[in-house]
Amino acid sequence: MERFSNHELADMHMVYGAAQGNGRAAQRIYAATYPLRQTPNHTIFANFHRRLSERGRFSPYMNGGGRQREARTVITEENILEAVAQNPCTSTHAIAAELRLTQSTIWRTLHEQLLYPFHFQQV
């Protein structure tokens, strides 16, 4: 779906109401009222109205910007760094199992802190 500004979406919603829920009529009214704007497809009016009714916001996402990160909180990052400080020789797999997180979350947190786990190799 195209990206519209909140102002354009509000105008689309008003036009859809004026057209009494008819998407094709709303498309014609919108094109006549706002000739310099991009005219959306007739299905966008109904989809947008349904989304606004169900979620109460213009954004297509429930939390306003995509999937919300649940594992990457400040407390979780502190727990990861504390586990590494207590035992620097531990593996990311062991930390992930202990804290019930994914191993990629552990890696990402360590890399952001410029900590790179490695294993000693005797030569």
PDB file of N, CA and C in Angstrom:
ATOM      1  N   MET A   1       0.840  -1.172   0.000  1.00  0.00           N
ATOM      2  CA  MET A   1       0.000   0.000   0.000  1.00  0.00           C
ATOM      3  C   MET A   1       0.886   1.235   0.000  1.00  0.00           C
ATOM      4  N   GLU A   2       0.441   2.266  -0.697  1.00  0.00           N
ATOM      5  CA  GLU A   2       1.210   3.497  -0.774  1.00  0.00           C
ATOM      6  C   GLU A   2       1.276   4.161   0.589  1.00  0.00           C
ATOM      7  N   ARG A   3       2.260   5.022   0.741  1.00  0.00           N
ATOM      8  CA  ARG A   3       2.406   5.782   1.978  1.00  0.00           C
ATOM      9  C   ARG A   3       1.727   7.125   1.805  1.00  0.00           C
ATOM     10  N   PHE A   4       0.797   7.415   2.680  1.00  0.00           N
ATOM     11  CA  PHE A   4       0.097   8.690   2.687  1.00  0.00           C
ATOM     12  C   PHE A   4       0.380   9.385   4.007  1.00  0.00           C
ATOM     13  N   SER A   5       0.363  10.702   3.979  1.00  0.00           N
ATOM     14  CA  SER A   5       0.552  11.451   5.218  1.00  0.00           C
ATOM     15  C   SER A   5      -0.722  11.346   6.061  1.00  0.00           C
ATOM     16  N   ASN A   6      -0.608  11.678   7.332  1.00  0.00           N
ATOM     17  CA  ASN A   6      -1.775  11.640   8.209  1.00  0.00           C
ATOM     18  C   ASN A   6      -2.850  12.605   7.729  1.00  0.00           C
ATOM     19  N   HIS A   7      -2.434  13.739   7.181  1.00  0.00           N
ATOM     20  CA  HIS A   7      -3.399  14.721   6.661  1.00  0.00           C
ATOM     21  C   HIS A   7      -4.172  14.131   5.476  1.00  0.00           C
ATOM     22  N   GLU A   8      -3.471  13.460   4.582  1.00  0.00           N
ATOM     23  CA  GLU A   8      -4.137  12.829   3.441  1.00  0.00           C
ATOM     24  C   GLU A   8      -5.064  11.710   3.897  1.00  0.00           C
ATOM     25  N   LEU A   9      -4.627  10.929   4.883  1.00  0.00           N
ATOM     26  CA  LEU A   9      -5.471   9.846   5.384  1.00  0.00           C
ATOM     27  C   LEU A   9      -6.734  10.383   6.049  1.00  0.00           C
ATOM     28  N   ALA A  10      -6.607  11.496   6.771  1.00  0.00           N
ATOM     29  CA  ALA A  10      -7.790  12.106   7.389  1.00  0.00           C
ATOM     30  C   ALA A  10      -8.757  12.585   6.305  1.00  0.00           C
ATOM     31  N   ASP A  11      -8.232  13.193   5.234  1.00  0.00           N
ATOM     32  CA  ASP A  11      -9.080  13.629   4.129  1.00  0.00           C
ATOM     33  C   ASP A  11      -9.744  12.437   3.441  1.00  0.00           C
ATOM     34  N   MET A  12      -9.000  11.345   3.292  1.00  0.00           N
ATOM     35  CA  MET A  12      -9.569  10.140   2.683  1.00  0.00           C
ATOM     36  C   MET A  12     -10.721   9.606   3.529  1.00  0.00           C
ATOM     37  N   HIS A  13     -10.539   9.639   4.835  1.00  0.00           N
ATOM     38  CA  HIS A  13     -11.583   9.137   5.724  1.00  0.00           C
ATOM     39  C   HIS A  13     -12.844   9.999   5.640  1.00  0.00           C
ATOM     40  N   MET A  14     -12.652  11.306   5.575  1.00  0.00           N
ATOM     41  CA  MET A  14     -13.792  12.217   5.442  1.00  0.00           C
ATOM     42  C   MET A  14     -14.525  11.994   4.122  1.00  0.00           C
ATOM     43  N   VAL A  15     -13.777  11.806   3.047  1.00  0.00           N
ATOM     44  CA  VAL A  15     -14.382  11.579   1.728  1.00  0.00           C
ATOM     45  C   VAL A  15     -15.116  10.242   1.716  1.00  0.00           C
ATOM     46  N   TYR A  16     -14.549   9.226   2.348  1.00  0.00           N
ATOM     47  CA  TYR A  16     -15.193   7.907   2.399  1.00  0.00           C
ATOM     48  C   TYR A  16     -16.522   7.996   3.150  1.00  0.00           C
ATOM     49  N   GLY A  17     -16.554   8.804   4.217  1.00  0.00           N
ATOM     50  CA  GLY A  17     -17.807   9.010   4.939  1.00  0.00           C
ATOM     51  C   GLY A  17     -18.818   9.776   4.103  1.00  0.00           C
ATOM     52  N   ALA A  18     -18.344  10.780   3.351  1.00  0.00           N
ATOM     53  CA  ALA A  18     -19.248  11.546   2.484  1.00  0.00           C
ATOM     54  C   ALA A  18     -19.814  10.672   1.377  1.00  0.00           C
ATOM     55  N   ALA A  19     -19.056   9.674   0.950  1.00  0.00           N
ATOM     56  CA  ALA A  19     -19.526   8.761  -0.092  1.00  0.00           C
ATOM     57  C   ALA A  19     -20.348   7.622   0.497  1.00  0.00           C
ATOM     58  N   GLN A  20     -20.626   7.676   1.772  1.00  0.00           N
ATOM     59  CA  GLN A  20     -21.443   6.694   2.489  1.00  0.00           C
ATOM     60  C   GLN A  20     -20.895   5.273   2.354  1.00  0.00           C
ATOM     61  N   GLY A  21     -19.570   5.155   2.453  1.00  0.00           N
ATOM     62  CA  GLY A  21     -18.949   3.836   2.445  1.00  0.00           C
ATOM     63  C   GLY A  21     -18.761   3.228   1.076  1.00  0.00           C
ATOM     64  N   ASN A  22     -18.929   3.979   0.027  1.00  0.00           N
ATOM     65  CA  ASN A  22     -18.747   3.479  -1.331  1.00  0.00           C
ATOM     66  C   ASN A  22     -17.335   3.860  -1.775  1.00  0.00           C
ATOM     67  N   GLY A  23     -16.480   2.868  -1.982  1.00  0.00           N
ATOM     68  CA  GLY A  23     -15.088   3.109  -2.315  1.00  0.00           C
ATOM     69  C   GLY A  23     -14.890   3.773  -3.664  1.00  0.00           C
ATOM     70  N   ARG A  24     -15.650   3.326  -4.661  1.00  0.00           N
ATOM     71  CA  ARG A  24     -15.491   3.911  -6.002  1.00  0.00           C
ATOM     72  C   ARG A  24     -15.979   5.356  -6.033  1.00  0.00           C
ATOM     73  N   ALA A  25     -17.077   5.628  -5.340  1.00  0.00           N
ATOM     74  CA  ALA A  25     -17.567   7.008  -5.274  1.00  0.00           C
ATOM     75  C   ALA A  25     -16.575   7.872  -4.491  1.00  0.00           C
ATOM     76  N   ALA A  26     -15.997   7.319  -3.436  1.00  0.00           N
ATOM     77  CA  ALA A  26     -15.009   8.051  -2.651  1.00  0.00           C
ATOM     78  C   ALA A  26     -13.786   8.370  -3.506  1.00  0.00           C
ATOM     79  N   GLN A  27     -13.398   7.437  -4.353  1.00  0.00           N
ATOM     80  CA  GLN A  27     -12.263   7.666  -5.239  1.00  0.00           C
ATOM     81  C   GLN A  27     -12.545   8.821  -6.197  1.00  0.00           C
ATOM     82  N   ARG A  28     -13.746   8.859  -6.777  1.00  0.00           N
ATOM     83  CA  ARG A  28     -14.113   9.951  -7.686  1.00  0.00           C
ATOM     84  C   ARG A  28     -14.165  11.293  -6.959  1.00  0.00           C
ATOM     85  N   ILE A  29     -14.758  11.315  -5.760  1.00  0.00           N
ATOM     86  CA  ILE A  29     -14.861  12.561  -4.995  1.00  0.00           C
ATOM     87  C   ILE A  29     -13.473  13.043  -4.591  1.00  0.00           C
ATOM     88  N   TYR A  30     -12.622  12.124  -4.166  1.00  0.00           N
ATOM     89  CA  TYR A  30     -11.272  12.480  -3.737  1.00  0.00           C
ATOM     90  C   TYR A  30     -10.480  13.066  -4.906  1.00  0.00           C
ATOM     91  N   ALA A  31     -10.596  12.429  -6.087  1.00  0.00           N
ATOM     92  CA  ALA A  31      -9.870  12.917  -7.264  1.00  0.00           C
ATOM     93  C   ALA A  31     -10.360  14.304  -7.672  1.00  0.00           C
ATOM     94  N   ALA A  32     -11.660  14.559  -7.539  1.00  0.00           N
ATOM     95  CA  ALA A  32     -12.209  15.871  -7.907  1.00  0.00           C
ATOM     96  C   ALA A  32     -11.847  16.930  -6.862  1.00  0.00           C
ATOM     97  N   THR A  33     -11.851  16.551  -5.591  1.00  0.00           N
ATOM     98  CA  THR A  33     -11.580  17.508  -4.518  1.00  0.00           C
ATOM     99  C   THR A  33     -10.091  17.842  -4.424  1.00  0.00           C
ATOM    100  N   TYR A  34      -9.238  16.854  -4.630  1.00  0.00           N
ATOM    101  CA  TYR A  34      -7.793  17.036  -4.497  1.00  0.00           C
ATOM    102  C   TYR A  34      -7.103  16.618  -5.801  1.00  0.00           C
ATOM    103  N   PRO A  35      -7.190  17.444  -6.847  1.00  0.00           N
ATOM    104  CA  PRO A  35      -6.655  17.042  -8.159  1.00  0.00           C
ATOM    105  C   PRO A  35      -5.121  16.958  -8.207  1.00  0.00           C
ATOM    106  N   LEU A  36      -4.419  17.621  -7.311  1.00  0.00           N
ATOM    107  CA  LEU A  36      -2.962  17.609  -7.346  1.00  0.00           C
ATOM    108  C   LEU A  36      -2.358  16.445  -6.544  1.00  0.00           C
ATOM    109  N   ARG A  37      -3.189  15.715  -5.826  1.00  0.00           N
ATOM    110  CA  ARG A  37      -2.706  14.587  -5.028  1.00  0.00           C
ATOM    111  C   ARG A  37      -2.827  13.288  -5.811  1.00  0.00           C
ATOM    112  N   GLN A  38      -2.067  12.306  -5.359  1.00  0.00           N
ATOM    113  CA  GLN A  38      -2.186  10.962  -5.921  1.00  0.00           C
ATOM    114  C   GLN A  38      -3.534  10.377  -5.506  1.00  0.00           C
ATOM    115  N   THR A  39      -4.284   9.884  -6.464  1.00  0.00           N
ATOM    116  CA  THR A  39      -5.595   9.312  -6.157  1.00  0.00           C
ATOM    117  C   THR A  39      -5.419   7.850  -5.773  1.00  0.00           C
ATOM    118  N   PRO A  40      -5.836   7.464  -4.569  1.00  0.00           N
ATOM    119  CA  PRO A  40      -5.678   6.064  -4.146  1.00  0.00           C
ATOM    120  C   PRO A  40      -6.692   5.152  -4.825  1.00  0.00           C
ATOM    121  N   ASN A  41      -6.388   3.887  -4.815  1.00  0.00           N
ATOM    122  CA  ASN A  41      -7.287   2.874  -5.333  1.00  0.00           C
ATOM    123  C   ASN A  41      -8.555   2.844  -4.480  1.00  0.00           C
ATOM    124  N   HIS A  42      -9.656   2.425  -5.065  1.00  0.00           N
ATOM    125  CA  HIS A  42     -10.923   2.431  -4.332  1.00  0.00           C
ATOM    126  C   HIS A  42     -10.914   1.495  -3.128  1.00  0.00           C
ATOM    127  N   THR A  43     -10.111   0.431  -3.168  1.00  0.00           N
ATOM    128  CA  THR A  43     -10.076  -0.508  -2.039  1.00  0.00           C
ATOM    129  C   THR A  43      -9.348   0.074  -0.830  1.00  0.00           C
ATOM    130  N   ILE A  44      -8.480   1.042  -1.054  1.00  0.00           N
ATOM    131  CA  ILE A  44      -7.726   1.637   0.050  1.00  0.00           C
ATOM    132  C   ILE A  44      -8.655   2.361   1.009  1.00  0.00           C
ATOM    133  N   PHE A  45      -9.713   2.958   0.498  1.00  0.00           N
ATOM    134  CA  PHE A  45     -10.653   3.675   1.360  1.00  0.00           C
ATOM    135  C   PHE A  45     -11.291   2.718   2.375  1.00  0.00           C
ATOM    136  N   ALA A  46     -11.757   1.570   1.896  1.00  0.00           N
ATOM    137  CA  ALA A  46     -12.399   0.602   2.790  1.00  0.00           C
ATOM    138  C   ALA A  46     -11.377  -0.012   3.751  1.00  0.00           C
ATOM    139  N   ASN A  47     -10.197  -0.350   3.234  1.00  0.00           N
ATOM    140  CA  ASN A  47      -9.157  -0.936   4.094  1.00  0.00           C
ATOM    141  C   ASN A  47      -8.742   0.028   5.189  1.00  0.00           C
ATOM    142  N   PHE A  48      -8.571   1.286   4.818  1.00  0.00           N
ATOM    143  CA  PHE A  48      -8.168   2.276   5.800  1.00  0.00           C
ATOM    144  C   PHE A  48      -9.259   2.488   6.849  1.00  0.00           C
ATOM    145  N   HIS A  49     -10.511   2.555   6.410  1.00  0.00           N
ATOM    146  CA  HIS A  49     -11.619   2.745   7.359  1.00  0.00           C
ATOM    147  C   HIS A  49     -11.701   1.563   8.330  1.00  0.00           C
ATOM    148  N   ARG A  50     -11.554   0.355   7.810  1.00  0.00           N
ATOM    149  CA  ARG A  50     -11.593  -0.835   8.663  1.00  0.00           C
ATOM    150  C   ARG A  50     -10.443  -0.806   9.675  1.00  0.00           C
ATOM    151  N   ARG A  51      -9.240  -0.470   9.207  1.00  0.00           N
ATOM    152  CA  ARG A  51      -8.085  -0.406  10.085  1.00  0.00           C
ATOM    153  C   ARG A  51      -8.262   0.661  11.167  1.00  0.00           C
ATOM    154  N   LEU A  52      -8.795   1.806  10.786  1.00  0.00           N
ATOM    155  CA  LEU A  52      -9.027   2.873  11.747  1.00  0.00           C
ATOM    156  C   LEU A  52     -10.093   2.468  12.760  1.00  0.00           C
ATOM    157  N   SER A  53     -11.119   1.746  12.317  1.00  0.00           N
ATOM    158  CA  SER A  53     -12.172   1.298  13.228  1.00  0.00           C
ATOM    159  C   SER A  53     -11.662   0.233  14.199  1.00  0.00           C
ATOM    160  N   GLU A  54     -10.819  -0.690  13.707  1.00  0.00           N
ATOM    161  CA  GLU A  54     -10.340  -1.785  14.541  1.00  0.00           C
ATOM    162  C   GLU A  54      -9.246  -1.348  15.504  1.00  0.00           C
ATOM    163  N   ARG A  55      -8.328  -0.515  15.030  1.00  0.00           N
ATOM    164  CA  ARG A  55      -7.149  -0.185  15.822  1.00  0.00           C
ATOM    165  C   ARG A  55      -7.176   1.218  16.394  1.00  0.00           C
ATOM    166  N   GLY A  56      -7.996   2.085  15.823  1.00  0.00           N
ATOM    167  CA  GLY A  56      -8.106   3.436  16.339  1.00  0.00           C
ATOM    168  C   GLY A  56      -6.934   4.336  16.016  1.00  0.00           C
ATOM    169  N   ARG A  57      -6.195   4.012  14.953  1.00  0.00           N
ATOM    170  CA  ARG A  57      -5.058   4.843  14.570  1.00  0.00           C
ATOM    171  C   ARG A  57      -4.821   4.734  13.069  1.00  0.00           C
ATOM    172  N   PHE A  58      -4.086   5.706  12.546  1.00  0.00           N
ATOM    173  CA  PHE A  58      -3.787   5.730  11.121  1.00  0.00           C
ATOM    174  C   PHE A  58      -2.744   4.689  10.743  1.00  0.00           C
ATOM    175  N   SER A  59      -1.870   4.341  11.673  1.00  0.00           N
ATOM    176  CA  SER A  59      -0.767   3.440  11.389  1.00  0.00           C
ATOM    177  C   SER A  59      -1.282   2.032  11.105  1.00  0.00           C
ATOM    178  N   PRO A  60      -0.688   1.343  10.124  1.00  0.00           N
ATOM    179  CA  PRO A  60      -1.122  -0.022   9.840  1.00  0.00           C
ATOM    180  C   PRO A  60      -0.652  -1.030  10.877  1.00  0.00           C
ATOM    181  N   TYR A  61       0.279  -0.644  11.744  1.00  0.00           N
ATOM    182  CA  TYR A  61       0.820  -1.564  12.727  1.00  0.00           C
ATOM    183  C   TYR A  61       0.181  -1.327  14.089  1.00  0.00           C
ATOM    184  N   MET A  62       0.070  -2.386  14.861  1.00  0.00           N
ATOM    185  CA  MET A  62      -0.558  -2.279  16.177  1.00  0.00           C
ATOM    186  C   MET A  62       0.261  -1.384  17.109  1.00  0.00           C
ATOM    187  N   ASN A  63       1.577  -1.466  17.041  1.00  0.00           N
ATOM    188  CA  ASN A  63       2.384  -0.682  17.955  1.00  0.00           C
ATOM    189  C   ASN A  63       2.978   0.545  17.290  1.00  0.00           C
ATOM    190  N   GLY A  64       2.546   0.852  16.084  1.00  0.00           N
ATOM    191  CA  GLY A  64       2.936   2.082  15.438  1.00  0.00           C
ATOM    192  C   GLY A  64       4.247   2.045  14.676  1.00  0.00           C
ATOM    193  N   GLY A  65       4.873   0.915  14.485  1.00  0.00           N
ATOM    194  CA  GLY A  65       6.119   0.937  13.747  1.00  0.00           C
ATOM    195  C   GLY A  65       6.737  -0.414  13.512  1.00  0.00           C
ATOM    196  N   GLY A  66       5.968  -1.414  13.410  1.00  0.00           N
ATOM    197  CA  GLY A  66       6.518  -2.726  13.186  1.00  0.00           C
ATOM    198  C   GLY A  66       6.526  -3.566  14.439  1.00  0.00           C
ATOM    199  N   ARG A  67       7.260  -4.644  14.372  1.00  0.00           N
ATOM    200  CA  ARG A  67       7.303  -5.576  15.491  1.00  0.00           C
ATOM    201  C   ARG A  67       8.058  -4.943  16.653  1.00  0.00           C
ATOM    202  N   GLN A  68       7.479  -5.039  17.812  1.00  0.00           N
ATOM    203  CA  GLN A  68       8.097  -4.453  18.992  1.00  0.00           C
ATOM    204  C   GLN A  68       9.118  -5.422  19.578  1.00  0.00           C
ATOM    205  N   ARG A  69      10.249  -4.891  19.959  1.00  0.00           N
ATOM    206  CA  ARG A  69      11.273  -5.722  20.568  1.00  0.00           C
ATOM    207  C   ARG A  69      10.930  -5.956  22.024  1.00  0.00           C
ATOM    208  N   GLU A  70      10.797  -7.209  22.379  1.00  0.00           N
ATOM    209  CA  GLU A  70      10.464  -7.550  23.753  1.00  0.00           C
ATOM    210  C   GLU A  70      11.695  -8.007  24.515  1.00  0.00           C
ATOM    211  N   ALA A  71      12.642  -8.604  23.818  1.00  0.00           N
ATOM    212  CA  ALA A  71      13.799  -9.171  24.498  1.00  0.00           C
ATOM    213  C   ALA A  71      14.878  -8.134  24.758  1.00  0.00           C
ATOM    214  N   ARG A  72      14.932  -7.073  23.976  1.00  0.00           N
ATOM    215  CA  ARG A  72      16.029  -6.114  24.064  1.00  0.00           C
ATOM    216  C   ARG A  72      15.677  -4.936  24.963  1.00  0.00           C
ATOM    217  N   THR A  73      15.509  -5.180  26.223  1.00  0.00           N
ATOM    218  CA  THR A  73      15.263  -4.111  27.179  1.00  0.00           C
ATOM    219  C   THR A  73      16.567  -3.787  27.901  1.00  0.00           C
ATOM    220  N   VAL A  74      16.577  -2.696  28.611  1.00  0.00           N
ATOM    221  CA  VAL A  74      17.775  -2.287  29.353  1.00  0.00           C
ATOM    222  C   VAL A  74      18.123  -3.333  30.406  1.00  0.00           C
ATOM    223  N   ILE A  75      17.115  -3.855  31.077  1.00  0.00           N
ATOM    224  CA  ILE A  75      17.352  -4.864  32.122  1.00  0.00           C
ATOM    225  C   ILE A  75      17.952  -6.129  31.519  1.00  0.00           C
ATOM    226  N   THR A  76      17.436  -6.538  30.357  1.00  0.00           N
ATOM    227  CA  THR A  76      17.957  -7.730  29.698  1.00  0.00           C
ATOM    228  C   THR A  76      19.404  -7.534  29.280  1.00  0.00           C
ATOM    229  N   GLU A  77      19.711  -6.370  28.730  1.00  0.00           N
ATOM    230  CA  GLU A  77      21.089  -6.095  28.328  1.00  0.00           C
ATOM    231  C   GLU A  77      22.026  -6.089  29.530  1.00  0.00           C
ATOM    232  N   GLU A  78      21.557  -5.530  30.649  1.00  0.00           N
ATOM    233  CA  GLU A  78      22.370  -5.544  31.866  1.00  0.00           C
ATOM    234  C   GLU A  78      22.606  -6.970  32.346  1.00  0.00           C
ATOM    235  N   ASN A  79      21.586  -7.822  32.258  1.00  0.00           N
ATOM    236  CA  ASN A  79      21.737  -9.220  32.665  1.00  0.00           C
ATOM    237  C   ASN A  79      22.752  -9.945  31.781  1.00  0.00           C
ATOM    238  N   ILE A  80      22.721  -9.655  30.487  1.00  0.00           N
ATOM    239  CA  ILE A  80      23.670 -10.283  29.564  1.00  0.00           C
ATOM    240  C   ILE A  80      25.090  -9.845  29.897  1.00  0.00           C
ATOM    241  N   LEU A  81      25.284  -8.555  30.087  1.00  0.00           N
ATOM    242  CA  LEU A  81      26.620  -8.041  30.390  1.00  0.00           C
ATOM    243  C   LEU A  81      27.122  -8.527  31.746  1.00  0.00           C
ATOM    244  N   GLU A  82      26.205  -8.684  32.690  1.00  0.00           N
ATOM    245  CA  GLU A  82      26.585  -9.211  34.005  1.00  0.00           C
ATOM    246  C   GLU A  82      27.014 -10.671  33.904  1.00  0.00           C
ATOM    247  N   ALA A  83      26.300 -11.458  33.094  1.00  0.00           N
ATOM    248  CA  ALA A  83      26.661 -12.865  32.911  1.00  0.00           C
ATOM    249  C   ALA A  83      28.035 -12.996  32.273  1.00  0.00           C
ATOM    250  N   VAL A  84      28.344 -12.113  31.330  1.00  0.00           N
ATOM    251  CA  VAL A  84      29.660 -12.147  30.687  1.00  0.00           C
ATOM    252  C   VAL A  84      30.743 -11.700  31.665  1.00  0.00           C
ATOM    253  N   ALA A  85      30.437 -10.698  32.499  1.00  0.00           N
ATOM    254  CA  ALA A  85      31.423 -10.213  33.468  1.00  0.00           C
ATOM    255  C   ALA A  85      31.730 -11.278  34.519  1.00  0.00           C
ATOM    256  N   GLN A  86      30.722 -12.038  34.924  1.00  0.00           N
ATOM    257  CA  GLN A  86      30.931 -13.074  35.937  1.00  0.00           C
ATOM    258  C   GLN A  86      31.782 -14.218  35.393  1.00  0.00           C
ATOM    259  N   ASN A  87      31.533 -14.593  34.147  1.00  0.00           N
ATOM    260  CA  ASN A  87      32.275 -15.700  33.554  1.00  0.00           C
ATOM    261  C   ASN A  87      32.593 -15.346  32.097  1.00  0.00           C
ATOM    262  N   PRO A  88      33.739 -14.731  31.849  1.00  0.00           N
ATOM    263  CA  PRO A  88      34.078 -14.316  30.488  1.00  0.00           C
ATOM    264  C   PRO A  88      34.311 -15.483  29.528  1.00  0.00           C
ATOM    265  N   CYS A  89      34.524 -16.676  30.046  1.00  0.00           N
ATOM    266  CA  CYS A  89      34.782 -17.833  29.186  1.00  0.00           C
ATOM    267  C   CYS A  89      33.509 -18.563  28.774  1.00  0.00           C
ATOM    268  N   THR A  90      32.375 -18.101  29.222  1.00  0.00           N
ATOM    269  CA  THR A  90      31.118 -18.773  28.886  1.00  0.00           C
ATOM    270  C   THR A  90      30.746 -18.512  27.432  1.00  0.00           C
ATOM    271  N   SER A  91      29.918 -19.376  26.894  1.00  0.00           N
ATOM    272  CA  SER A  91      29.515 -19.242  25.496  1.00  0.00           C
ATOM    273  C   SER A  91      28.205 -18.459  25.384  1.00  0.00           C
ATOM    274  N   THR A  92      27.959 -17.949  24.207  1.00  0.00           N
ATOM    275  CA  THR A  92      26.701 -17.239  23.977  1.00  0.00           C
ATOM    276  C   THR A  92      25.526 -18.210  24.072  1.00  0.00           C
ATOM    277  N   HIS A  93      25.765 -19.449  23.711  1.00  0.00           N
ATOM    278  CA  HIS A  93      24.718 -20.465  23.810  1.00  0.00           C
ATOM    279  C   HIS A  93      24.322 -20.692  25.268  1.00  0.00           C
ATOM    280  N   ALA A  94      25.297 -20.754  26.143  1.00  0.00           N
ATOM    281  CA  ALA A  94      25.021 -20.967  27.574  1.00  0.00           C
ATOM    282  C   ALA A  94      24.293 -19.763  28.176  1.00  0.00           C
ATOM    283  N   ILE A  95      24.701 -18.562  27.788  1.00  0.00           N
ATOM    284  CA  ILE A  95      24.020 -17.359  28.294  1.00  0.00           C
ATOM    285  C   ILE A  95      22.580 -17.323  27.805  1.00  0.00           C
ATOM    286  N   ALA A  96      22.381 -17.671  26.537  1.00  0.00           N
ATOM    287  CA  ALA A  96      21.028 -17.674  25.975  1.00  0.00           C
ATOM    288  C   ALA A  96      20.137 -18.677  26.695  1.00  0.00           C
ATOM    289  N   ALA A  97      20.677 -19.843  27.005  1.00  0.00           N
ATOM    290  CA  ALA A  97      19.893 -20.853  27.717  1.00  0.00           C
ATOM    291  C   ALA A  97      19.586 -20.403  29.139  1.00  0.00           C
ATOM    292  N   GLU A  98      20.559 -19.786  29.789  1.00  0.00           N
ATOM    293  CA  GLU A  98      20.378 -19.338  31.171  1.00  0.00           C
ATOM    294  C   GLU A  98      19.332 -18.224  31.272  1.00  0.00           C
ATOM    295  N   LEU A  99      19.371 -17.278  30.342  1.00  0.00           N
ATOM    296  CA  LEU A  99      18.461 -16.127  30.396  1.00  0.00           C
ATOM    297  C   LEU A  99      17.184 -16.312  29.587  1.00  0.00           C
ATOM    298  N   ARG A 100      17.061 -17.469  28.934  1.00  0.00           N
ATOM    299  CA  ARG A 100      15.897 -17.781  28.094  1.00  0.00           C
ATOM    300  C   ARG A 100      15.703 -16.731  27.000  1.00  0.00           C
ATOM    301  N   LEU A 101      16.787 -16.471  26.287  1.00  0.00           N
ATOM    302  CA  LEU A 101      16.775 -15.545  25.158  1.00  0.00           C
ATOM    303  C   LEU A 101      17.336 -16.271  23.947  1.00  0.00           C
ATOM    304  N   THR A 102      17.215 -15.646  22.792  1.00  0.00           N
ATOM    305  CA  THR A 102      17.810 -16.236  21.608  1.00  0.00           C
ATOM    306  C   THR A 102      19.297 -15.898  21.578  1.00  0.00           C
ATOM    307  N   GLN A 103      20.035 -16.742  20.909  1.00  0.00           N
ATOM    308  CA  GLN A 103      21.469 -16.532  20.821  1.00  0.00           C
ATOM    309  C   GLN A 103      21.775 -15.273  20.003  1.00  0.00           C
ATOM    310  N   SER A 104      20.941 -14.967  19.030  1.00  0.00           N
ATOM    311  CA  SER A 104      21.171 -13.758  18.233  1.00  0.00           C
ATOM    312  C   SER A 104      20.994 -12.499  19.075  1.00  0.00           C
ATOM    313  N   THR A 105      20.099 -12.536  20.063  1.00  0.00           N
ATOM    314  CA  THR A 105      19.940 -11.399  20.969  1.00  0.00           C
ATOM    315  C   THR A 105      21.209 -11.198  21.788  1.00  0.00           C
ATOM    316  N   ILE A 106      21.804 -12.293  22.231  1.00  0.00           N
ATOM    317  CA  ILE A 106      23.046 -12.224  22.988  1.00  0.00           C
ATOM    318  C   ILE A 106      24.155 -11.637  22.108  1.00  0.00           C
ATOM    319  N   TRP A 107      24.277 -12.144  20.887  1.00  0.00           N
ATOM    320  CA  TRP A 107      25.300 -11.654  19.961  1.00  0.00           C
ATOM    321  C   TRP A 107      25.111 -10.168  19.684  1.00  0.00           C
ATOM    322  N   ARG A 108      23.899  -9.772  19.387  1.00  0.00           N
ATOM    323  CA  ARG A 108      23.624  -8.372  19.060  1.00  0.00           C
ATOM    324  C   ARG A 108      24.003  -7.446  20.216  1.00  0.00           C
ATOM    325  N   THR A 109      23.644  -7.850  21.422  1.00  0.00           N
ATOM    326  CA  THR A 109      23.954  -7.034  22.598  1.00  0.00           C
ATOM    327  C   THR A 109      25.457  -6.930  22.811  1.00  0.00           C
ATOM    328  N   LEU A 110      26.154  -8.041  22.684  1.00  0.00           N
ATOM    329  CA  LEU A 110      27.602  -8.027  22.869  1.00  0.00           C
ATOM    330  C   LEU A 110      28.291  -7.188  21.797  1.00  0.00           C
ATOM    331  N   HIS A 111      27.832  -7.292  20.568  1.00  0.00           N
ATOM    332  CA  HIS A 111      28.447  -6.517  19.486  1.00  0.00           C
ATOM    333  C   HIS A 111      28.199  -5.023  19.658  1.00  0.00           C
ATOM    334  N   GLU A 112      27.037  -4.647  20.160  1.00  0.00           N
ATOM    335  CA  GLU A 112      26.768  -3.229  20.404  1.00  0.00           C
ATOM    336  C   GLU A 112      27.688  -2.664  21.475  1.00  0.00           C
ATOM    337  N   GLN A 113      28.118  -3.502  22.414  1.00  0.00           N
ATOM    338  CA  GLN A 113      29.033  -3.085  23.474  1.00  0.00           C
ATOM    339  C   GLN A 113      30.494  -3.316  23.084  1.00  0.00           C
ATOM    340  N   LEU A 114      30.703  -3.659  21.808  1.00  0.00           N
ATOM    341  CA  LEU A 114      32.034  -3.924  21.262  1.00  0.00           C
ATOM    342  C   LEU A 114      32.721  -5.080  21.975  1.00  0.00           C
ATOM    343  N   LEU A 115      31.942  -6.057  22.378  1.00  0.00           N
ATOM    344  CA  LEU A 115      32.468  -7.283  22.981  1.00  0.00           C
ATOM    345  C   LEU A 115      32.298  -8.406  21.965  1.00  0.00           C
ATOM    346  N   TYR A 116      33.383  -9.063  21.644  1.00  0.00           N
ATOM    347  CA  TYR A 116      33.350 -10.117  20.645  1.00  0.00           C
ATOM    348  C   TYR A 116      33.865 -11.401  21.268  1.00  0.00           C
ATOM    349  N   PRO A 117      32.995 -12.377  21.480  1.00  0.00           N
ATOM    350  CA  PRO A 117      33.437 -13.627  22.093  1.00  0.00           C
ATOM    351  C   PRO A 117      34.374 -14.384  21.152  1.00  0.00           C
ATOM    352  N   PHE A 118      35.356 -14.998  21.733  1.00  0.00           N
ATOM    353  CA  PHE A 118      36.291 -15.776  20.963  1.00  0.00           C
ATOM    354  C   PHE A 118      36.804 -16.922  21.821  1.00  0.00           C
ATOM    355  N   HIS A 119      37.438 -17.877  21.186  1.00  0.00           N
ATOM    356  CA  HIS A 119      38.009 -19.022  21.899  1.00  0.00           C
ATOM    357  C   HIS A 119      39.512 -18.996  21.692  1.00  0.00           C
ATOM    358  N   PHE A 120      40.236 -19.277  22.747  1.00  0.00           N
ATOM    359  CA  PHE A 120      41.677 -19.361  22.632  1.00  0.00           C
ATOM    360  C   PHE A 120      42.023 -20.622  21.852  1.00  0.00           C
ATOM    361  N   GLN A 121      43.035 -20.494  20.992  1.00  0.00           N
ATOM    362  CA  GLN A 121      43.489 -21.660  20.235  1.00  0.00           C
ATOM    363  C   GLN A 121      44.989 -21.777  20.425  1.00  0.00           C
ATOM    364  N   GLN A 122      45.402 -22.891  21.005  1.00  0.00           N
ATOM    365  CA  GLN A 122      46.830 -23.092  21.229  1.00  0.00           C
ATOM    366  C   GLN A 122      47.496 -23.501  19.925  1.00  0.00           C
ATOM    367  N   VAL A 123      48.659 -22.924  19.693  1.00  0.00           N
ATOM    368  CA  VAL A 123      49.369 -23.215  18.459  1.00  0.00           C
ATOM    369  C   VAL A 123      50.667 -23.924  18.793  1.00  0.00           C
TER     370      VAL A 123
END
